[in-house]
């Protein structure tokens, strides 16, 4: 999963009006349904949002999460997760920020970060103003390490990604545009690999994904490998609203069970290939 972090230099990009520009209306409410498949785990959840404006006049969307279904069974989320509010934006004047996930139920971390990935991709496309006509394309080199660690269960969770944007289609008859964003490993990933054995490439690029989790009996599950994924976003030409999105996210990795926090006393490596598919649809 990738959460796009924005450095100060990005503020210098020029903003042009283009077909993707978001037209916000304070107080407007939005409801999205997210469906996900993560290996054998299937889930559904709902993101309910409202448009707000901050003290600088910039707009953002504030979402709460509810109606969580895990493998066809309804799940009651704890109060901290029900009260959690995620702020997202497509306003080029407001810089996105990463929420504090420490108190969030583990099952919600994936949906929260996936939703932020979709918004961050479209925000960057809006910010640069380089996608105007069908076929327009640009590459954005970031490489910055992004984290989804919660500090309790996931001690390290980082990936390093560059972005390849294409305005796939502009359909004036139904007033929609389709963007494809390929998240690809950079030439020099900036993830922090805590053990020397993690530096050996698992696939055909330098490792750009690492995760260390606490498991039973004081042991650790340490994984490293290659992550890439494709995001497709359908946008309204009327107001720039996200109508739907999909994420196809494979990870090719190796995992070792370790008995020390330094990850030097570890068992034999075993494949840890992950395949995630996400669908997001506007309901209201």
C-alpha atoms as a PDB file:
ATOM      1  CA  UNK A   1       0.000   0.000   0.000  1.00  0.00           C
ATOM      2  CA  UNK A   2       1.302   3.429  -0.832  1.00  0.00           C
ATOM      3  CA  UNK A   3       0.613   6.693   0.913  1.00  0.00           C
ATOM      4  CA  UNK A   4       2.018   9.540  -1.175  1.00  0.00           C
ATOM      5  CA  UNK A   5       4.039  11.970   0.942  1.00  0.00           C
ATOM      6  CA  UNK A   6       4.602  15.455  -0.427  1.00  0.00           C
ATOM      7  CA  UNK A   7       7.857  17.323  -0.137  1.00  0.00           C
ATOM      8  CA  UNK A   8       8.197  21.078  -0.057  1.00  0.00           C
ATOM      9  CA  UNK A   9       9.341  21.249  -3.690  1.00  0.00           C
ATOM     10  CA  UNK A  10       5.950  20.046  -4.859  1.00  0.00           C
ATOM     11  CA  UNK A  11       4.424  23.303  -3.686  1.00  0.00           C
ATOM     12  CA  UNK A  12       6.279  25.037  -6.523  1.00  0.00           C
ATOM     13  CA  UNK A  13       4.353  23.183  -9.224  1.00  0.00           C
ATOM     14  CA  UNK A  14       2.066  25.377 -11.280  1.00  0.00           C
ATOM     15  CA  UNK A  15      -1.669  24.704 -11.208  1.00  0.00           C
ATOM     16  CA  UNK A  16      -3.576  24.916 -14.488  1.00  0.00           C
ATOM     17  CA  UNK A  17      -7.270  24.404 -15.034  1.00  0.00           C
ATOM     18  CA  UNK A  18      -7.877  21.034 -16.639  1.00  0.00           C
ATOM     19  CA  UNK A  19     -10.644  18.501 -17.114  1.00  0.00           C
ATOM     20  CA  UNK A  20     -10.025  16.965 -13.680  1.00  0.00           C
ATOM     21  CA  UNK A  21     -10.501  20.104 -11.591  1.00  0.00           C
ATOM     22  CA  UNK A  22     -12.611  19.482  -8.474  1.00  0.00           C
ATOM     23  CA  UNK A  23     -15.476  21.919  -7.890  1.00  0.00           C
ATOM     24  CA  UNK A  24     -16.270  21.773  -4.183  1.00  0.00           C
ATOM     25  CA  UNK A  25     -19.522  22.736  -2.440  1.00  0.00           C
ATOM     26  CA  UNK A  26     -19.263  23.047   1.322  1.00  0.00           C
ATOM     27  CA  UNK A  27     -21.630  20.726   3.171  1.00  0.00           C
ATOM     28  CA  UNK A  28     -22.047  18.247   0.302  1.00  0.00           C
ATOM     29  CA  UNK A  29     -22.201  14.634   1.507  1.00  0.00           C
ATOM     30  CA  UNK A  30     -20.630  11.623  -0.220  1.00  0.00           C
ATOM     31  CA  UNK A  31     -20.930   7.894   0.450  1.00  0.00           C
ATOM     32  CA  UNK A  32     -18.574   5.334  -1.088  1.00  0.00           C
ATOM     33  CA  UNK A  33     -18.607   1.542  -0.927  1.00  0.00           C
ATOM     34  CA  UNK A  34     -15.232  -0.207  -0.894  1.00  0.00           C
ATOM     35  CA  UNK A  35     -14.798  -3.908  -1.670  1.00  0.00           C
ATOM     36  CA  UNK A  36     -11.461  -5.621  -1.225  1.00  0.00           C
ATOM     37  CA  UNK A  37      -9.810  -8.982  -1.791  1.00  0.00           C
ATOM     38  CA  UNK A  38      -6.544  -9.673   0.030  1.00  0.00           C
ATOM     39  CA  UNK A  39      -5.522 -13.260  -0.747  1.00  0.00           C
ATOM     40  CA  UNK A  40      -8.302 -15.319   0.910  1.00  0.00           C
ATOM     41  CA  UNK A  41      -9.757 -12.394   2.879  1.00  0.00           C
ATOM     42  CA  UNK A  42     -12.714 -10.517   1.418  1.00  0.00           C
ATOM     43  CA  UNK A  43     -14.179  -7.400   2.965  1.00  0.00           C
ATOM     44  CA  UNK A  44     -16.570  -4.531   2.380  1.00  0.00           C
ATOM     45  CA  UNK A  45     -16.848  -1.215   4.143  1.00  0.00           C
ATOM     46  CA  UNK A  46     -18.414   2.207   3.753  1.00  0.00           C
ATOM     47  CA  UNK A  47     -16.763   5.628   3.747  1.00  0.00           C
ATOM     48  CA  UNK A  48     -19.169   8.483   4.514  1.00  0.00           C
ATOM     49  CA  UNK A  49     -17.866  11.980   3.935  1.00  0.00           C
ATOM     50  CA  UNK A  50     -18.779  15.640   4.061  1.00  0.00           C
ATOM     51  CA  UNK A  51     -17.139  18.596   2.307  1.00  0.00           C
ATOM     52  CA  UNK A  52     -15.573  21.149   4.660  1.00  0.00           C
ATOM     53  CA  UNK A  53     -13.489  24.305   4.335  1.00  0.00           C
ATOM     54  CA  UNK A  54     -10.542  25.214   6.537  1.00  0.00           C
ATOM     55  CA  UNK A  55      -9.522  28.628   7.887  1.00  0.00           C
ATOM     56  CA  UNK A  56      -7.440  29.358   4.761  1.00  0.00           C
ATOM     57  CA  UNK A  57     -10.376  28.756   2.427  1.00  0.00           C
ATOM     58  CA  UNK A  58      -9.079  25.404   1.180  1.00  0.00           C
ATOM     59  CA  UNK A  59     -11.518  22.516   0.860  1.00  0.00           C
ATOM     60  CA  UNK A  60     -11.219  18.973   2.180  1.00  0.00           C
ATOM     61  CA  UNK A  61     -13.388  15.878   2.544  1.00  0.00           C
ATOM     62  CA  UNK A  62     -13.783  14.323   5.990  1.00  0.00           C
ATOM     63  CA  UNK A  63     -14.657  10.603   6.061  1.00  0.00           C
ATOM     64  CA  UNK A  64     -15.811   8.193   8.719  1.00  0.00           C
ATOM     65  CA  UNK A  65     -15.823   4.406   8.297  1.00  0.00           C
ATOM     66  CA  UNK A  66     -18.673   2.007   9.079  1.00  0.00           C
ATOM     67  CA  UNK A  67     -20.619  -1.084   7.942  1.00  0.00           C
ATOM     68  CA  UNK A  68     -17.579  -3.347   7.899  1.00  0.00           C
ATOM     69  CA  UNK A  69     -18.133  -6.860   6.549  1.00  0.00           C
ATOM     70  CA  UNK A  70     -15.342  -9.447   6.792  1.00  0.00           C
ATOM     71  CA  UNK A  71     -15.759 -12.680   4.818  1.00  0.00           C
ATOM     72  CA  UNK A  72     -19.561 -12.161   4.711  1.00  0.00           C
ATOM     73  CA  UNK A  73     -19.811 -11.515   8.467  1.00  0.00           C
ATOM     74  CA  UNK A  74     -20.703  -8.091   9.886  1.00  0.00           C
ATOM     75  CA  UNK A  75     -17.993  -6.744  12.206  1.00  0.00           C
ATOM     76  CA  UNK A  76     -18.525  -4.258  15.038  1.00  0.00           C
ATOM     77  CA  UNK A  77     -15.668  -1.790  14.887  1.00  0.00           C
ATOM     78  CA  UNK A  78     -14.328  -0.497  18.238  1.00  0.00           C
ATOM     79  CA  UNK A  79     -15.271   3.078  19.272  1.00  0.00           C
ATOM     80  CA  UNK A  80     -11.841   4.504  18.375  1.00  0.00           C
ATOM     81  CA  UNK A  81     -12.262   3.305  14.799  1.00  0.00           C
ATOM     82  CA  UNK A  82     -15.869   4.466  14.569  1.00  0.00           C
ATOM     83  CA  UNK A  83     -14.803   7.921  15.796  1.00  0.00           C
ATOM     84  CA  UNK A  84     -11.781   8.114  13.490  1.00  0.00           C
ATOM     85  CA  UNK A  85     -12.045  10.811  10.808  1.00  0.00           C
ATOM     86  CA  UNK A  86      -9.916  10.819   7.672  1.00  0.00           C
ATOM     87  CA  UNK A  87      -9.261  14.107   5.901  1.00  0.00           C
ATOM     88  CA  UNK A  88      -8.670  13.910   2.137  1.00  0.00           C
ATOM     89  CA  UNK A  89      -8.568  16.561  -0.537  1.00  0.00           C
ATOM     90  CA  UNK A  90      -8.510  17.248  -4.258  1.00  0.00           C
ATOM     91  CA  UNK A  91      -7.969  20.967  -3.663  1.00  0.00           C
ATOM     92  CA  UNK A  92      -4.516  21.777  -5.126  1.00  0.00           C
ATOM     93  CA  UNK A  93      -4.056  24.531  -2.528  1.00  0.00           C
ATOM     94  CA  UNK A  94      -4.193  22.070   0.382  1.00  0.00           C
ATOM     95  CA  UNK A  95      -1.306  19.635   0.896  1.00  0.00           C
ATOM     96  CA  UNK A  96      -2.477  16.103   1.837  1.00  0.00           C
ATOM     97  CA  UNK A  97      -1.346  14.692   5.162  1.00  0.00           C
ATOM     98  CA  UNK A  98      -0.993  11.175   6.568  1.00  0.00           C
ATOM     99  CA  UNK A  99      -3.405  10.329   9.413  1.00  0.00           C
ATOM    100  CA  UNK A 100      -2.366   8.802  12.729  1.00  0.00           C
ATOM    101  CA  UNK A 101      -3.283   5.114  12.455  1.00  0.00           C
ATOM    102  CA  UNK A 102      -2.115   4.042  15.931  1.00  0.00           C
ATOM    103  CA  UNK A 103      -5.632   3.744  17.389  1.00  0.00           C
ATOM    104  CA  UNK A 104      -7.327   2.337  14.285  1.00  0.00           C
ATOM    105  CA  UNK A 105      -8.511  -1.285  14.053  1.00  0.00           C
ATOM    106  CA  UNK A 106      -5.999  -3.282  11.984  1.00  0.00           C
ATOM    107  CA  UNK A 107      -8.701  -4.280   9.509  1.00  0.00           C
ATOM    108  CA  UNK A 108      -9.283  -0.619   8.629  1.00  0.00           C
ATOM    109  CA  UNK A 109      -5.674   0.326   7.916  1.00  0.00           C
ATOM    110  CA  UNK A 110      -5.793  -1.126   4.382  1.00  0.00           C
ATOM    111  CA  UNK A 111      -9.027   0.655   3.389  1.00  0.00           C
ATOM    112  CA  UNK A 112      -7.854   3.957   4.895  1.00  0.00           C
ATOM    113  CA  UNK A 113      -4.499   3.928   3.103  1.00  0.00           C
ATOM    114  CA  UNK A 114      -6.022   2.680  -0.172  1.00  0.00           C
ATOM    115  CA  UNK A 115      -8.542   5.525  -0.094  1.00  0.00           C
ATOM    116  CA  UNK A 116      -5.719   7.982   0.509  1.00  0.00           C
ATOM    117  CA  UNK A 117      -3.767   6.491  -2.407  1.00  0.00           C
ATOM    118  CA  UNK A 118      -6.661   7.177  -4.805  1.00  0.00           C
ATOM    119  CA  UNK A 119      -7.055  10.752  -3.575  1.00  0.00           C
ATOM    120  CA  UNK A 120      -3.300  11.413  -3.597  1.00  0.00           C
ATOM    121  CA  UNK A 121      -3.003  10.187  -7.180  1.00  0.00           C
ATOM    122  CA  UNK A 122      -5.835  12.391  -8.399  1.00  0.00           C
ATOM    123  CA  UNK A 123      -4.621  15.339  -6.290  1.00  0.00           C
ATOM    124  CA  UNK A 124      -1.205  15.146  -7.942  1.00  0.00           C
ATOM    125  CA  UNK A 125      -2.787  14.953 -11.406  1.00  0.00           C
ATOM    126  CA  UNK A 126      -4.822  18.066 -10.539  1.00  0.00           C
ATOM    127  CA  UNK A 127      -1.836  19.854  -9.044  1.00  0.00           C
ATOM    128  CA  UNK A 128       0.400  19.455 -12.076  1.00  0.00           C
ATOM    129  CA  UNK A 129      -2.317  20.224 -14.647  1.00  0.00           C
ATOM    130  CA  UNK A 130      -0.612  17.989 -17.224  1.00  0.00           C
ATOM    131  CA  UNK A 131      -3.601  15.772 -18.041  1.00  0.00           C
ATOM    132  CA  UNK A 132      -5.978  17.623 -20.350  1.00  0.00           C
ATOM    133  CA  UNK A 133      -6.530  15.478 -23.452  1.00  0.00           C
ATOM    134  CA  UNK A 134      -6.974  11.736 -23.860  1.00  0.00           C
ATOM    135  CA  UNK A 135      -3.518  10.169 -24.198  1.00  0.00           C
ATOM    136  CA  UNK A 136      -1.723  12.831 -22.132  1.00  0.00           C
ATOM    137  CA  UNK A 137       0.989  11.258 -19.984  1.00  0.00           C
ATOM    138  CA  UNK A 138       3.625  12.217 -17.434  1.00  0.00           C
ATOM    139  CA  UNK A 139       6.009  10.504 -15.014  1.00  0.00           C
ATOM    140  CA  UNK A 140       6.506  11.698 -11.451  1.00  0.00           C
ATOM    141  CA  UNK A 141       9.630  10.527  -9.619  1.00  0.00           C
ATOM    142  CA  UNK A 142       9.090  10.444  -5.892  1.00  0.00           C
ATOM    143  CA  UNK A 143      10.909   7.473  -4.391  1.00  0.00           C
ATOM    144  CA  UNK A 144      10.191   8.812  -0.896  1.00  0.00           C
ATOM    145  CA  UNK A 145       9.492   6.075   1.634  1.00  0.00           C
ATOM    146  CA  UNK A 146       5.839   5.867   2.657  1.00  0.00           C
ATOM    147  CA  UNK A 147       4.803   4.166   5.905  1.00  0.00           C
ATOM    148  CA  UNK A 148       1.723   2.284   7.066  1.00  0.00           C
ATOM    149  CA  UNK A 149       3.253   1.040  10.352  1.00  0.00           C
ATOM    150  CA  UNK A 150       1.041   1.336  13.411  1.00  0.00           C
ATOM    151  CA  UNK A 151       3.929   0.879  15.865  1.00  0.00           C
ATOM    152  CA  UNK A 152       2.175  -1.916  17.722  1.00  0.00           C
ATOM    153  CA  UNK A 153       1.576  -4.818  15.366  1.00  0.00           C
ATOM    154  CA  UNK A 154       3.261  -3.558  12.198  1.00  0.00           C
ATOM    155  CA  UNK A 155       6.618  -2.237  13.425  1.00  0.00           C
ATOM    156  CA  UNK A 156       7.945  -1.399   9.967  1.00  0.00           C
ATOM    157  CA  UNK A 157       5.803  -0.978   6.886  1.00  0.00           C
ATOM    158  CA  UNK A 158       7.337   0.967   4.024  1.00  0.00           C
ATOM    159  CA  UNK A 159       7.333   1.158   0.271  1.00  0.00           C
ATOM    160  CA  UNK A 160       9.009   3.468  -2.238  1.00  0.00           C
ATOM    161  CA  UNK A 161       7.157   4.275  -5.438  1.00  0.00           C
ATOM    162  CA  UNK A 162       7.345   6.398  -8.590  1.00  0.00           C
ATOM    163  CA  UNK A 163       4.203   7.336 -10.518  1.00  0.00           C
ATOM    164  CA  UNK A 164       3.318   7.066 -14.198  1.00  0.00           C
ATOM    165  CA  UNK A 165       0.121   8.966 -15.129  1.00  0.00           C
ATOM    166  CA  UNK A 166      -2.024   8.596 -18.265  1.00  0.00           C
ATOM    167  CA  UNK A 167      -5.340  10.251 -19.092  1.00  0.00           C
ATOM    168  CA  UNK A 168      -6.787   7.124 -20.687  1.00  0.00           C
ATOM    169  CA  UNK A 169     -10.099   8.526 -21.927  1.00  0.00           C
ATOM    170  CA  UNK A 170     -12.298  11.608 -21.931  1.00  0.00           C
ATOM    171  CA  UNK A 171     -15.949  10.814 -22.632  1.00  0.00           C
ATOM    172  CA  UNK A 172     -17.954  13.954 -23.289  1.00  0.00           C
ATOM    173  CA  UNK A 173     -21.197  12.035 -23.838  1.00  0.00           C
ATOM    174  CA  UNK A 174     -21.389  10.770 -20.251  1.00  0.00           C
ATOM    175  CA  UNK A 175     -19.140  13.514 -18.813  1.00  0.00           C
ATOM    176  CA  UNK A 176     -16.431  11.251 -17.399  1.00  0.00           C
ATOM    177  CA  UNK A 177     -12.660  10.945 -17.605  1.00  0.00           C
ATOM    178  CA  UNK A 178     -10.537   7.882 -16.836  1.00  0.00           C
ATOM    179  CA  UNK A 179      -7.033   8.109 -15.377  1.00  0.00           C
ATOM    180  CA  UNK A 180      -4.582   5.234 -15.035  1.00  0.00           C
ATOM    181  CA  UNK A 181      -1.748   5.597 -12.531  1.00  0.00           C
ATOM    182  CA  UNK A 182       0.976   2.962 -12.531  1.00  0.00           C
ATOM    183  CA  UNK A 183       2.908   2.822  -9.255  1.00  0.00           C
ATOM    184  CA  UNK A 184       6.342   1.456 -10.125  1.00  0.00           C
ATOM    185  CA  UNK A 185       9.599   0.820  -8.221  1.00  0.00           C
ATOM    186  CA  UNK A 186      12.106   3.692  -8.516  1.00  0.00           C
ATOM    187  CA  UNK A 187      15.663   3.119  -9.653  1.00  0.00           C
ATOM    188  CA  UNK A 188      16.855   3.758  -6.084  1.00  0.00           C
ATOM    189  CA  UNK A 189      14.132   2.970  -3.522  1.00  0.00           C
ATOM    190  CA  UNK A 190      14.361   4.895  -0.259  1.00  0.00           C
ATOM    191  CA  UNK A 191      12.924   2.250   2.079  1.00  0.00           C
ATOM    192  CA  UNK A 192      14.972   1.513   5.182  1.00  0.00           C
ATOM    193  CA  UNK A 193      16.023  -2.132   5.178  1.00  0.00           C
ATOM    194  CA  UNK A 194      16.896  -3.063   8.787  1.00  0.00           C
ATOM    195  CA  UNK A 195      18.919  -6.221   8.003  1.00  0.00           C
ATOM    196  CA  UNK A 196      21.610  -6.915   5.359  1.00  0.00           C
ATOM    197  CA  UNK A 197      19.801  -9.994   4.004  1.00  0.00           C
ATOM    198  CA  UNK A 198      16.945  -7.724   2.913  1.00  0.00           C
ATOM    199  CA  UNK A 199      19.142  -5.945   0.359  1.00  0.00           C
ATOM    200  CA  UNK A 200      19.258  -8.900  -2.086  1.00  0.00           C
ATOM    201  CA  UNK A 201      16.629  -8.247  -4.814  1.00  0.00           C
ATOM    202  CA  UNK A 202      13.665 -10.625  -4.673  1.00  0.00           C
ATOM    203  CA  UNK A 203      12.487  -9.800  -8.213  1.00  0.00           C
ATOM    204  CA  UNK A 204      13.832  -7.862 -11.204  1.00  0.00           C
ATOM    205  CA  UNK A 205      14.245  -4.496  -9.424  1.00  0.00           C
ATOM    206  CA  UNK A 206      15.790  -3.314  -6.155  1.00  0.00           C
ATOM    207  CA  UNK A 207      13.513  -4.131  -3.227  1.00  0.00           C
ATOM    208  CA  UNK A 208      11.038  -1.304  -2.687  1.00  0.00           C
ATOM    209  CA  UNK A 209       8.712  -2.905  -0.082  1.00  0.00           C
ATOM    210  CA  UNK A 210       9.460  -3.998   3.492  1.00  0.00           C
ATOM    211  CA  UNK A 211       7.281  -5.065   6.412  1.00  0.00           C
ATOM    212  CA  UNK A 212       8.125  -6.298   9.922  1.00  0.00           C
ATOM    213  CA  UNK A 213       5.301  -7.552  12.150  1.00  0.00           C
ATOM    214  CA  UNK A 214       5.154  -8.851  15.684  1.00  0.00           C
ATOM    215  CA  UNK A 215       3.975 -12.447  15.903  1.00  0.00           C
ATOM    216  CA  UNK A 216       3.533 -14.927  18.771  1.00  0.00           C
ATOM    217  CA  UNK A 217       6.114 -15.684  21.487  1.00  0.00           C
ATOM    218  CA  UNK A 218       8.102 -12.495  20.943  1.00  0.00           C
ATOM    219  CA  UNK A 219       9.024 -13.392  17.367  1.00  0.00           C
ATOM    220  CA  UNK A 220       8.942 -11.266  14.252  1.00  0.00           C
ATOM    221  CA  UNK A 221       7.781 -11.887  10.676  1.00  0.00           C
ATOM    222  CA  UNK A 222      10.059  -9.917   8.340  1.00  0.00           C
ATOM    223  CA  UNK A 223       9.268  -9.561   4.637  1.00  0.00           C
ATOM    224  CA  UNK A 224      10.960  -7.738   1.775  1.00  0.00           C
ATOM    225  CA  UNK A 225      10.395  -7.565  -1.962  1.00  0.00           C
ATOM    226  CA  UNK A 226       8.932  -5.730  -4.942  1.00  0.00           C
ATOM    227  CA  UNK A 227       5.621  -3.879  -4.975  1.00  0.00           C
ATOM    228  CA  UNK A 228       3.878  -2.341  -7.963  1.00  0.00           C
ATOM    229  CA  UNK A 229       0.250  -1.553  -8.588  1.00  0.00           C
ATOM    230  CA  UNK A 230      -2.156   0.067 -10.981  1.00  0.00           C
ATOM    231  CA  UNK A 231      -4.861   2.529 -10.007  1.00  0.00           C
ATOM    232  CA  UNK A 232      -7.707   3.425 -12.356  1.00  0.00           C
ATOM    233  CA  UNK A 233      -9.939   6.368 -11.424  1.00  0.00           C
ATOM    234  CA  UNK A 234     -13.163   7.462 -13.115  1.00  0.00           C
ATOM    235  CA  UNK A 235     -13.829  11.156 -12.579  1.00  0.00           C
ATOM    236  CA  UNK A 236     -16.850  13.363 -13.272  1.00  0.00           C
ATOM    237  CA  UNK A 237     -16.180  16.080 -15.832  1.00  0.00           C
ATOM    238  CA  UNK A 238     -18.975  18.112 -14.229  1.00  0.00           C
ATOM    239  CA  UNK A 239     -17.322  18.678 -10.845  1.00  0.00           C
ATOM    240  CA  UNK A 240     -14.172  16.507 -10.691  1.00  0.00           C
ATOM    241  CA  UNK A 241     -15.736  14.108  -8.189  1.00  0.00           C
ATOM    242  CA  UNK A 242     -14.417  10.536  -7.948  1.00  0.00           C
ATOM    243  CA  UNK A 243     -17.103   8.225  -9.353  1.00  0.00           C
ATOM    244  CA  UNK A 244     -15.254   4.932  -9.002  1.00  0.00           C
ATOM    245  CA  UNK A 245     -11.745   3.517  -8.700  1.00  0.00           C
ATOM    246  CA  UNK A 246      -9.917   0.214  -8.783  1.00  0.00           C
ATOM    247  CA  UNK A 247      -6.552  -0.832  -7.363  1.00  0.00           C
ATOM    248  CA  UNK A 248      -4.614  -3.892  -8.499  1.00  0.00           C
ATOM    249  CA  UNK A 249      -1.741  -4.405  -6.058  1.00  0.00           C
ATOM    250  CA  UNK A 250       0.686  -7.357  -6.302  1.00  0.00           C
ATOM    251  CA  UNK A 251       3.693  -7.802  -3.998  1.00  0.00           C
ATOM    252  CA  UNK A 252       6.406 -10.388  -4.682  1.00  0.00           C
ATOM    253  CA  UNK A 253       8.284 -10.915  -1.436  1.00  0.00           C
ATOM    254  CA  UNK A 254      10.216 -13.289   0.777  1.00  0.00           C
ATOM    255  CA  UNK A 255       9.442 -13.676   4.480  1.00  0.00           C
ATOM    256  CA  UNK A 256      11.577 -14.973   7.352  1.00  0.00           C
ATOM    257  CA  UNK A 257      10.545 -15.629  10.948  1.00  0.00           C
ATOM    258  CA  UNK A 258      13.076 -14.043  13.321  1.00  0.00           C
ATOM    259  CA  UNK A 259      13.674 -14.303  17.044  1.00  0.00           C
ATOM    260  CA  UNK A 260      15.377 -10.919  17.523  1.00  0.00           C
ATOM    261  CA  UNK A 261      14.350  -7.348  16.771  1.00  0.00           C
ATOM    262  CA  UNK A 262      17.521  -6.792  14.719  1.00  0.00           C
ATOM    263  CA  UNK A 263      16.350  -9.573  12.343  1.00  0.00           C
ATOM    264  CA  UNK A 264      19.702 -11.367  12.426  1.00  0.00           C
ATOM    265  CA  UNK A 265      18.467 -14.660  13.926  1.00  0.00           C
ATOM    266  CA  UNK A 266      16.024 -15.839  11.288  1.00  0.00           C
ATOM    267  CA  UNK A 267      14.692 -19.010   9.746  1.00  0.00           C
ATOM    268  CA  UNK A 268      14.778 -19.964   6.073  1.00  0.00           C
ATOM    269  CA  UNK A 269      13.061 -17.598   3.623  1.00  0.00           C
ATOM    270  CA  UNK A 270       9.653 -18.523   2.249  1.00  0.00           C
ATOM    271  CA  UNK A 271       7.562 -16.881  -0.496  1.00  0.00           C
ATOM    272  CA  UNK A 272       5.181 -14.180   0.710  1.00  0.00           C
ATOM    273  CA  UNK A 273       3.441 -13.112  -2.478  1.00  0.00           C
ATOM    274  CA  UNK A 274       0.443 -10.858  -1.902  1.00  0.00           C
ATOM    275  CA  UNK A 275      -2.339 -10.010  -4.340  1.00  0.00           C
ATOM    276  CA  UNK A 276      -4.801  -7.276  -3.415  1.00  0.00           C
ATOM    277  CA  UNK A 277      -7.696  -5.993  -5.511  1.00  0.00           C
ATOM    278  CA  UNK A 278      -9.840  -3.046  -4.466  1.00  0.00           C
ATOM    279  CA  UNK A 279     -13.056  -1.606  -5.934  1.00  0.00           C
ATOM    280  CA  UNK A 280     -14.487   1.740  -4.817  1.00  0.00           C
ATOM    281  CA  UNK A 281     -17.858   3.074  -5.997  1.00  0.00           C
ATOM    282  CA  UNK A 282     -19.755   6.295  -5.268  1.00  0.00           C
ATOM    283  CA  UNK A 283     -23.180   5.433  -3.865  1.00  0.00           C
ATOM    284  CA  UNK A 284     -24.559   8.872  -3.030  1.00  0.00           C
END
